[in-house]
Amino acid sequence: MKALILNSPQKNWDLTHGMEMAEIPSPILDEKKYPEDANKTLIKPLYAGFCGSDKSIWFRKAFKDMIFNSLDLKGGSYRVCGHELLGEILETGSVAERHYGYKPGDIVTTESHIFCGKCHQCQIGEAHVCSNHEIIGITTDGCFADRVKLPAKELWRTDISKIRPEVAAIQEPLGNAVHACSRVDLRGKSVAIFGCGTIGLFSVIVARALGAAYIIGTDTNPKNLALAEKLGIDLTIKIPEENNPEAILSVIEQIRKDRHGEGVDASIEMAGSNDVLNAAIASVRPGGDIILFGIASGDYTISNFQEIVMNGKSLHSVVGRQVFKTWHILNNLLLSKETRLQEKIYEVILNKGIGTLYSFNKFNPKEFEESIQSHPKIVFKF
C-alpha cells in the first residue's frame, strides 16, 4: 500500500526534512497470530488532516525521541505519520464487532491518544492523561496510508450526512480547542487568545459557541489575525515580533486598557512561547483564569509568580481531549445550526477547500510543503 512515512535515520534528523511516499506492507487482522487483533479494526482512510504535530515532524522541530524510541522498542525502521482521520471500516476483529458493535461500512474518526485502560488515570476516568498512552502517527503507525489498523476503543462514529467529511476529518484537533475552551466557564466572559494558529482559530469559534461574550486575539502573523477577524473575533492585536519585551508589554497594556484597566476574565495560551505565557498571565484580571495549551521544549520562566498567587489567578493545563466527554461536546457544537461551526471551519479555515484539500495520490513534496506553509490547515483526500 501507499503510505506517507518518516524514513530518516536518527543520526540524520537535523539534516533532513519532509516525509516520503513509499510502498509498504498493508496491515492485516489475524487473531490467530495476533490475539490482540480481536479488539482492532482495519480502516480505509477517506480524509486525513495534516496536524501541527505533523508539521513539526516535517521540519524536524519535535517528537524525535518519541518516534525513534518507539521504533527501537518495536523493531521498526520507519513511522507511518498522521492521526487526524475520517475513514471507513473494512474489517473488524471479533471483540470489536461483538462488544463495540462495529461493522464494515461504518464511518469513523479516532481519538489519537491510545490509552491503556489499566493505569490509575484510566481507571478513574482520566484516560487523556494515561501513563502508558501511545500516539497514533508518532509512537505507532498512523493514517497517512491506504489502510490503518486501530483499536476499536479509540474510534468515534461519525455521520457524514450531518457533518461534512472535510470537517469530520479534523474533529481531533477541533477537540483540542473544545477541551481548552471548556476548561473553565466562559459564559458571558471576556477571553484573550494568544496565538491564532490552527488551534487558536478553532478556539475563536468554540469560545464563542460556548458563550464567550468578548474575544481578543493576538499573533505575530497578520494572515492569522485576518482569518480570526473573518471568524468574528472582537479585537485583534498584532505582536510586532517575538522575544521583544517592549512589544509584549504593549500588548498587555492594550488588553488591560480595553478591559476596564484590569484585564480579561480568561486567557488561552496557544503560542508555546515563554514571553507569550507571561503576557497571558499578566493580561488576566485578578481572580481570572489562564488556560495553557501551547508547548515548546526547554525551560520556562514565570516573571512574576507572586502576581499569580496574590491576585488569585488560576493556571489550567490542557492536553488532548477528555475521552470521550470532549467528543460529545464537540459533536453537539458541530450539529448545532446556531453555532455554524461547520460553515466557519470550511469557509474560512479551510478556504472552501481551495488550496487546502490535497490529493493523497498526487503527493508532491515541494508543492505540499508550500501548502502547509500557506494555510492553517491541510486535509488529504484519498
Foldseek 3Di string as FASTA:
>chain_A
DWFWKDQDPLVCLQVAFATDIDDDDADDQDCVVPVVQLQKFKWFFFKFWCDPVNVCSRNSADLSCLQVVLCVVVVHRMAGAGQQTWTFTQDGHNCLCPVVVDDGGFIKHFQFKAFDCPDPCNVVQFRLPHPDIDGDRRSHHHRRDRMDMDGSLGIDTDDCVQFPPVVSSHLQLLLLLLQQLVVDQQAQWEEEEEDQFDSNLSNLLNNVVSHHDAYEYEEQDVVSVVLSVVSPHHYYDYQVDPPDLVSLVVVLQVQCVVPVVFATQEYEYAAQDLSVQLSRVSRHGQLHEYEYEHHHDDDHDNPCPVCCVVSVYYYHYGGGHRVVVSVVVSVVLSNDPVSCSSVSCCCRQCVVVVLAEAESVPDDRVSVVVSVVPGSMHMYGD
